């Protein structure tokens, strides 16, 4: 399977690409500046340069792919309006080229999951994010709404915060208020779970929260 990865120039995105290689996938890495990504990924990774808001560039890369992993996240990348517009153009290009599977990142701090019963910790994160980082909150809300409102086989992997490296594997996957979800997950474990969703249909059109 050939997978296009967006956001491969942040910590989780780089680990997603490494996980794809380890599991035998081919990866197309779409970045605006190729110098921001490593050149040691090997022959199964092709780096494609383009702007997220360029429909021609998106069409060219998505016409050659079978699934998308979108690791772009306003918490991980320098905030910019292009993330919202870019996500909308990405989704449109996926639909135009018949690419059904989308896996992205999100946060329980954005209330978009009807299965969830927010705990005091989640409520506090929501208040803080809206108050201290309103632009990030707005971008995340719009990005997630764009994806979940589209006719795609989407999955949003959500976490409150991430730590560097890899832990001992995700211990908890589910929903706050129903499952024992913690506040933190290791970047490597988030990436590994994200890649497993390419062939796992249990969370299609769902937004599970994860933690170590």
C-alpha atoms as a PDB file:
ATOM      1  CA  UNK A   1       0.000   0.000   0.000  1.00  0.00           C
ATOM      2  CA  UNK A   2       1.203   3.486  -0.872  1.00  0.00           C
ATOM      3  CA  UNK A   3       0.450   6.108   1.783  1.00  0.00           C
ATOM      4  CA  UNK A   4       0.772   9.885   1.536  1.00  0.00           C
ATOM      5  CA  UNK A   5       1.968  11.546   4.749  1.00  0.00           C
ATOM      6  CA  UNK A   6       1.405  15.195   5.565  1.00  0.00           C
ATOM      7  CA  UNK A   7       3.249  16.768   8.494  1.00  0.00           C
ATOM      8  CA  UNK A   8       6.326  14.545   8.227  1.00  0.00           C
ATOM      9  CA  UNK A   9       8.488  17.459   9.380  1.00  0.00           C
ATOM     10  CA  UNK A  10       7.218  17.274  12.986  1.00  0.00           C
ATOM     11  CA  UNK A  11       8.111  14.669  15.608  1.00  0.00           C
ATOM     12  CA  UNK A  12       5.054  12.448  15.279  1.00  0.00           C
ATOM     13  CA  UNK A  13       5.007  12.756  11.483  1.00  0.00           C
ATOM     14  CA  UNK A  14       8.623  11.620  11.191  1.00  0.00           C
ATOM     15  CA  UNK A  15       7.838   8.637  13.389  1.00  0.00           C
ATOM     16  CA  UNK A  16       4.813   7.821  11.226  1.00  0.00           C
ATOM     17  CA  UNK A  17       7.108   7.591   8.186  1.00  0.00           C
ATOM     18  CA  UNK A  18       9.559   5.382  10.088  1.00  0.00           C
ATOM     19  CA  UNK A  19       6.687   3.146  11.176  1.00  0.00           C
ATOM     20  CA  UNK A  20       5.427   2.856   7.600  1.00  0.00           C
ATOM     21  CA  UNK A  21       8.877   1.792   6.421  1.00  0.00           C
ATOM     22  CA  UNK A  22       9.194  -0.762   9.207  1.00  0.00           C
ATOM     23  CA  UNK A  23       5.807  -2.262   8.289  1.00  0.00           C
ATOM     24  CA  UNK A  24       6.637  -2.481   4.588  1.00  0.00           C
ATOM     25  CA  UNK A  25       4.548   0.368   3.183  1.00  0.00           C
ATOM     26  CA  UNK A  26       5.550   2.811   0.475  1.00  0.00           C
ATOM     27  CA  UNK A  27       5.327   6.441   1.577  1.00  0.00           C
ATOM     28  CA  UNK A  28       4.883   9.695  -0.309  1.00  0.00           C
ATOM     29  CA  UNK A  29       5.946  12.536   1.986  1.00  0.00           C
ATOM     30  CA  UNK A  30       4.337  15.850   1.041  1.00  0.00           C
ATOM     31  CA  UNK A  31       6.185  18.890   2.432  1.00  0.00           C
ATOM     32  CA  UNK A  32       6.630  22.512   1.422  1.00  0.00           C
ATOM     33  CA  UNK A  33      10.366  22.441   2.204  1.00  0.00           C
ATOM     34  CA  UNK A  34      12.181  19.140   1.499  1.00  0.00           C
ATOM     35  CA  UNK A  35      15.173  20.267   3.571  1.00  0.00           C
ATOM     36  CA  UNK A  36      13.086  19.829   6.738  1.00  0.00           C
ATOM     37  CA  UNK A  37      12.860  16.042   6.400  1.00  0.00           C
ATOM     38  CA  UNK A  38      15.535  13.419   6.705  1.00  0.00           C
ATOM     39  CA  UNK A  39      17.213  12.026   3.607  1.00  0.00           C
ATOM     40  CA  UNK A  40      17.905   8.602   5.088  1.00  0.00           C
ATOM     41  CA  UNK A  41      14.467   7.016   4.748  1.00  0.00           C
ATOM     42  CA  UNK A  42      15.431   4.859   1.804  1.00  0.00           C
ATOM     43  CA  UNK A  43      13.859   3.853  -1.467  1.00  0.00           C
ATOM     44  CA  UNK A  44      10.368   3.225  -0.077  1.00  0.00           C
ATOM     45  CA  UNK A  45       9.934   6.934   0.682  1.00  0.00           C
ATOM     46  CA  UNK A  46       9.495   9.602  -1.979  1.00  0.00           C
ATOM     47  CA  UNK A  47       9.601  13.234  -0.854  1.00  0.00           C
ATOM     48  CA  UNK A  48       7.235  15.481  -2.829  1.00  0.00           C
ATOM     49  CA  UNK A  49       7.555  19.248  -2.616  1.00  0.00           C
ATOM     50  CA  UNK A  50       4.423  21.366  -2.775  1.00  0.00           C
ATOM     51  CA  UNK A  51       2.144  23.789  -0.994  1.00  0.00           C
ATOM     52  CA  UNK A  52      -0.727  22.421   1.056  1.00  0.00           C
ATOM     53  CA  UNK A  53      -3.068  24.966  -0.506  1.00  0.00           C
ATOM     54  CA  UNK A  54      -2.114  24.087  -4.102  1.00  0.00           C
ATOM     55  CA  UNK A  55      -4.863  21.852  -5.549  1.00  0.00           C
ATOM     56  CA  UNK A  56      -2.707  20.869  -8.541  1.00  0.00           C
ATOM     57  CA  UNK A  57       0.156  19.646  -6.341  1.00  0.00           C
ATOM     58  CA  UNK A  58      -2.266  17.805  -4.056  1.00  0.00           C
ATOM     59  CA  UNK A  59      -4.016  16.168  -6.991  1.00  0.00           C
ATOM     60  CA  UNK A  60      -0.696  14.994  -8.424  1.00  0.00           C
ATOM     61  CA  UNK A  61       0.344  13.237  -5.234  1.00  0.00           C
ATOM     62  CA  UNK A  62      -3.056  11.893  -4.170  1.00  0.00           C
ATOM     63  CA  UNK A  63      -3.685  10.400  -7.601  1.00  0.00           C
ATOM     64  CA  UNK A  64      -0.862   7.970  -6.741  1.00  0.00           C
ATOM     65  CA  UNK A  65      -1.910   6.973  -3.239  1.00  0.00           C
ATOM     66  CA  UNK A  66      -4.306   4.626  -1.477  1.00  0.00           C
ATOM     67  CA  UNK A  67      -4.517   6.259   1.953  1.00  0.00           C
ATOM     68  CA  UNK A  68      -3.573   9.458   3.776  1.00  0.00           C
ATOM     69  CA  UNK A  69      -2.010  10.033   7.174  1.00  0.00           C
ATOM     70  CA  UNK A  70      -2.298  13.681   8.150  1.00  0.00           C
ATOM     71  CA  UNK A  71       0.077  14.450  11.025  1.00  0.00           C
ATOM     72  CA  UNK A  72      -0.430  18.199  10.671  1.00  0.00           C
ATOM     73  CA  UNK A  73      -1.540  19.548  14.042  1.00  0.00           C
ATOM     74  CA  UNK A  74      -1.607  23.196  15.218  1.00  0.00           C
ATOM     75  CA  UNK A  75      -0.126  22.023  18.531  1.00  0.00           C
ATOM     76  CA  UNK A  76       2.906  20.562  16.745  1.00  0.00           C
ATOM     77  CA  UNK A  77       3.389  22.990  13.854  1.00  0.00           C
ATOM     78  CA  UNK A  78       3.706  26.754  13.769  1.00  0.00           C
ATOM     79  CA  UNK A  79       0.097  27.990  13.563  1.00  0.00           C
ATOM     80  CA  UNK A  80      -1.005  29.262  10.192  1.00  0.00           C
ATOM     81  CA  UNK A  81      -4.305  29.617   8.384  1.00  0.00           C
ATOM     82  CA  UNK A  82      -2.997  27.264   5.685  1.00  0.00           C
ATOM     83  CA  UNK A  83      -3.709  24.227   7.902  1.00  0.00           C
ATOM     84  CA  UNK A  84      -7.455  24.774   7.719  1.00  0.00           C
ATOM     85  CA  UNK A  85      -7.550  25.619   4.020  1.00  0.00           C
ATOM     86  CA  UNK A  86      -5.019  22.889   3.263  1.00  0.00           C
ATOM     87  CA  UNK A  87      -7.059  20.239   5.051  1.00  0.00           C
ATOM     88  CA  UNK A  88     -10.150  21.234   3.075  1.00  0.00           C
ATOM     89  CA  UNK A  89      -8.240  21.022  -0.212  1.00  0.00           C
ATOM     90  CA  UNK A  90      -6.694  17.707   0.842  1.00  0.00           C
ATOM     91  CA  UNK A  91     -10.104  16.203   1.585  1.00  0.00           C
ATOM     92  CA  UNK A  92     -11.490  17.478  -1.719  1.00  0.00           C
ATOM     93  CA  UNK A  93      -8.563  15.962  -3.632  1.00  0.00           C
ATOM     94  CA  UNK A  94      -9.016  12.634  -1.836  1.00  0.00           C
ATOM     95  CA  UNK A  95     -12.655  12.532  -2.870  1.00  0.00           C
ATOM     96  CA  UNK A  96     -11.826  13.519  -6.443  1.00  0.00           C
ATOM     97  CA  UNK A  97      -9.294  10.682  -6.751  1.00  0.00           C
ATOM     98  CA  UNK A  98     -11.184   8.006  -4.841  1.00  0.00           C
ATOM     99  CA  UNK A  99      -8.846   7.808  -1.835  1.00  0.00           C
ATOM    100  CA  UNK A 100     -11.160   6.710   1.001  1.00  0.00           C
ATOM    101  CA  UNK A 101      -8.909   6.195   4.037  1.00  0.00           C
ATOM    102  CA  UNK A 102      -7.901   9.217   6.119  1.00  0.00           C
ATOM    103  CA  UNK A 103      -6.146   9.078   9.482  1.00  0.00           C
ATOM    104  CA  UNK A 104      -5.395  12.305  11.309  1.00  0.00           C
ATOM    105  CA  UNK A 105      -4.485  13.731  14.691  1.00  0.00           C
ATOM    106  CA  UNK A 106      -6.729  15.626  17.077  1.00  0.00           C
ATOM    107  CA  UNK A 107      -7.320  16.535  20.699  1.00  0.00           C
ATOM    108  CA  UNK A 108     -10.001  15.782  23.299  1.00  0.00           C
ATOM    109  CA  UNK A 109      -9.689  19.493  24.133  1.00  0.00           C
ATOM    110  CA  UNK A 110     -11.866  20.105  21.072  1.00  0.00           C
ATOM    111  CA  UNK A 111     -15.349  18.856  21.826  1.00  0.00           C
ATOM    112  CA  UNK A 112     -16.267  16.947  18.693  1.00  0.00           C
ATOM    113  CA  UNK A 113     -16.910  13.411  19.934  1.00  0.00           C
ATOM    114  CA  UNK A 114     -20.486  12.513  20.980  1.00  0.00           C
ATOM    115  CA  UNK A 115     -19.249   9.296  22.638  1.00  0.00           C
ATOM    116  CA  UNK A 116     -17.283  11.301  25.170  1.00  0.00           C
ATOM    117  CA  UNK A 117     -18.297  12.465  28.633  1.00  0.00           C
ATOM    118  CA  UNK A 118     -15.599  15.038  29.448  1.00  0.00           C
ATOM    119  CA  UNK A 119     -13.783  14.510  32.717  1.00  0.00           C
ATOM    120  CA  UNK A 120     -12.595  17.454  34.848  1.00  0.00           C
ATOM    121  CA  UNK A 121      -9.141  17.139  33.256  1.00  0.00           C
ATOM    122  CA  UNK A 122     -10.554  17.341  29.733  1.00  0.00           C
ATOM    123  CA  UNK A 123     -12.795  20.254  30.674  1.00  0.00           C
ATOM    124  CA  UNK A 124      -9.777  22.097  32.117  1.00  0.00           C
ATOM    125  CA  UNK A 125      -7.783  21.503  28.917  1.00  0.00           C
ATOM    126  CA  UNK A 126     -10.673  22.826  26.847  1.00  0.00           C
ATOM    127  CA  UNK A 127     -10.938  26.003  28.909  1.00  0.00           C
ATOM    128  CA  UNK A 128      -7.178  26.591  28.818  1.00  0.00           C
ATOM    129  CA  UNK A 129      -6.864  25.934  25.081  1.00  0.00           C
ATOM    130  CA  UNK A 130      -9.701  28.308  24.229  1.00  0.00           C
ATOM    131  CA  UNK A 131      -8.384  30.990  26.591  1.00  0.00           C
ATOM    132  CA  UNK A 132      -4.632  30.767  25.944  1.00  0.00           C
ATOM    133  CA  UNK A 133      -4.510  29.510  22.360  1.00  0.00           C
ATOM    134  CA  UNK A 134      -7.784  30.476  20.671  1.00  0.00           C
ATOM    135  CA  UNK A 135      -6.272  30.316  17.182  1.00  0.00           C
ATOM    136  CA  UNK A 136      -5.014  26.765  17.733  1.00  0.00           C
ATOM    137  CA  UNK A 137      -8.394  25.745  19.175  1.00  0.00           C
ATOM    138  CA  UNK A 138     -10.207  27.241  16.198  1.00  0.00           C
ATOM    139  CA  UNK A 139      -7.933  25.570  13.676  1.00  0.00           C
ATOM    140  CA  UNK A 140      -8.268  22.163  15.308  1.00  0.00           C
ATOM    141  CA  UNK A 141     -12.041  22.471  15.470  1.00  0.00           C
ATOM    142  CA  UNK A 142     -12.298  23.471  11.803  1.00  0.00           C
ATOM    143  CA  UNK A 143      -9.865  20.785  10.619  1.00  0.00           C
ATOM    144  CA  UNK A 144     -11.684  18.030  12.497  1.00  0.00           C
ATOM    145  CA  UNK A 145     -15.099  19.278  11.340  1.00  0.00           C
ATOM    146  CA  UNK A 146     -13.918  19.299   7.707  1.00  0.00           C
ATOM    147  CA  UNK A 147     -12.746  15.696   7.916  1.00  0.00           C
ATOM    148  CA  UNK A 148     -15.654  14.256   9.896  1.00  0.00           C
ATOM    149  CA  UNK A 149     -18.147  15.969   7.610  1.00  0.00           C
ATOM    150  CA  UNK A 150     -16.653  14.402   4.483  1.00  0.00           C
ATOM    151  CA  UNK A 151     -17.574  11.129   2.831  1.00  0.00           C
ATOM    152  CA  UNK A 152     -14.332   9.398   3.865  1.00  0.00           C
ATOM    153  CA  UNK A 153     -13.338   6.401   5.978  1.00  0.00           C
ATOM    154  CA  UNK A 154     -11.741   8.667   8.557  1.00  0.00           C
ATOM    155  CA  UNK A 155     -10.196   8.050  11.948  1.00  0.00           C
ATOM    156  CA  UNK A 156      -8.967  10.826  14.251  1.00  0.00           C
ATOM    157  CA  UNK A 157      -6.341   9.735  16.801  1.00  0.00           C
ATOM    158  CA  UNK A 158      -6.652  12.095  19.778  1.00  0.00           C
ATOM    159  CA  UNK A 159      -4.313  12.830  22.677  1.00  0.00           C
ATOM    160  CA  UNK A 160      -4.049  15.627  25.229  1.00  0.00           C
ATOM    161  CA  UNK A 161      -0.261  15.941  25.068  1.00  0.00           C
ATOM    162  CA  UNK A 162       2.661  13.934  23.753  1.00  0.00           C
ATOM    163  CA  UNK A 163       6.113  13.105  25.066  1.00  0.00           C
ATOM    164  CA  UNK A 164       9.240  12.492  22.956  1.00  0.00           C
ATOM    165  CA  UNK A 165      10.421   9.062  21.907  1.00  0.00           C
ATOM    166  CA  UNK A 166       8.598   5.797  22.345  1.00  0.00           C
ATOM    167  CA  UNK A 167       7.033   4.315  25.460  1.00  0.00           C
ATOM    168  CA  UNK A 168       6.020   0.757  26.186  1.00  0.00           C
ATOM    169  CA  UNK A 169       3.027   0.875  23.897  1.00  0.00           C
ATOM    170  CA  UNK A 170      -0.358   2.518  24.311  1.00  0.00           C
ATOM    171  CA  UNK A 171      -2.145   1.137  27.334  1.00  0.00           C
ATOM    172  CA  UNK A 172      -5.436   2.901  26.866  1.00  0.00           C
ATOM    173  CA  UNK A 173      -7.566   3.481  23.762  1.00  0.00           C
ATOM    174  CA  UNK A 174     -11.122   4.752  24.050  1.00  0.00           C
ATOM    175  CA  UNK A 175     -13.123   7.710  25.282  1.00  0.00           C
ATOM    176  CA  UNK A 176     -12.935   9.960  28.303  1.00  0.00           C
ATOM    177  CA  UNK A 177     -15.800   9.309  30.697  1.00  0.00           C
ATOM    178  CA  UNK A 178     -16.063   5.696  29.498  1.00  0.00           C
ATOM    179  CA  UNK A 179     -12.487   4.396  29.562  1.00  0.00           C
ATOM    180  CA  UNK A 180      -9.455   4.966  31.751  1.00  0.00           C
ATOM    181  CA  UNK A 181      -7.646   7.396  29.426  1.00  0.00           C
ATOM    182  CA  UNK A 182      -4.640   9.322  30.713  1.00  0.00           C
ATOM    183  CA  UNK A 183      -3.243  12.724  29.776  1.00  0.00           C
ATOM    184  CA  UNK A 184      -0.078  11.750  27.916  1.00  0.00           C
ATOM    185  CA  UNK A 185       1.130   9.486  25.121  1.00  0.00           C
ATOM    186  CA  UNK A 186       4.595   8.957  23.659  1.00  0.00           C
ATOM    187  CA  UNK A 187       5.088  10.262  20.116  1.00  0.00           C
ATOM    188  CA  UNK A 188       6.367   6.916  18.876  1.00  0.00           C
ATOM    189  CA  UNK A 189       3.361   5.071  20.287  1.00  0.00           C
ATOM    190  CA  UNK A 190       0.940   7.572  18.754  1.00  0.00           C
ATOM    191  CA  UNK A 191       2.657   7.048  15.394  1.00  0.00           C
ATOM    192  CA  UNK A 192       2.541   3.264  15.688  1.00  0.00           C
ATOM    193  CA  UNK A 193      -1.168   3.259  16.552  1.00  0.00           C
ATOM    194  CA  UNK A 194      -1.867   5.700  13.718  1.00  0.00           C
ATOM    195  CA  UNK A 195      -0.223   3.413  11.162  1.00  0.00           C
ATOM    196  CA  UNK A 196      -2.044   0.308  12.441  1.00  0.00           C
ATOM    197  CA  UNK A 197      -5.310   2.070  11.612  1.00  0.00           C
ATOM    198  CA  UNK A 198      -4.568   1.746   7.894  1.00  0.00           C
ATOM    199  CA  UNK A 199      -5.730  -1.871   8.018  1.00  0.00           C
ATOM    200  CA  UNK A 200      -7.856  -1.787  11.186  1.00  0.00           C
ATOM    201  CA  UNK A 201     -11.488  -0.886  10.557  1.00  0.00           C
ATOM    202  CA  UNK A 202     -12.611  -0.887  14.197  1.00  0.00           C
ATOM    203  CA  UNK A 203     -12.267   2.898  14.529  1.00  0.00           C
ATOM    204  CA  UNK A 204     -13.525   4.016  11.111  1.00  0.00           C
ATOM    205  CA  UNK A 205     -15.585   7.235  11.529  1.00  0.00           C
ATOM    206  CA  UNK A 206     -14.505   7.366  15.175  1.00  0.00           C
ATOM    207  CA  UNK A 207     -12.090   9.516  17.174  1.00  0.00           C
ATOM    208  CA  UNK A 208     -10.480   7.375  19.883  1.00  0.00           C
ATOM    209  CA  UNK A 209      -8.340   8.995  22.551  1.00  0.00           C
ATOM    210  CA  UNK A 210      -5.042   7.278  23.427  1.00  0.00           C
ATOM    211  CA  UNK A 211      -2.571   7.347  26.291  1.00  0.00           C
ATOM    212  CA  UNK A 212       0.290   5.374  27.815  1.00  0.00           C
END
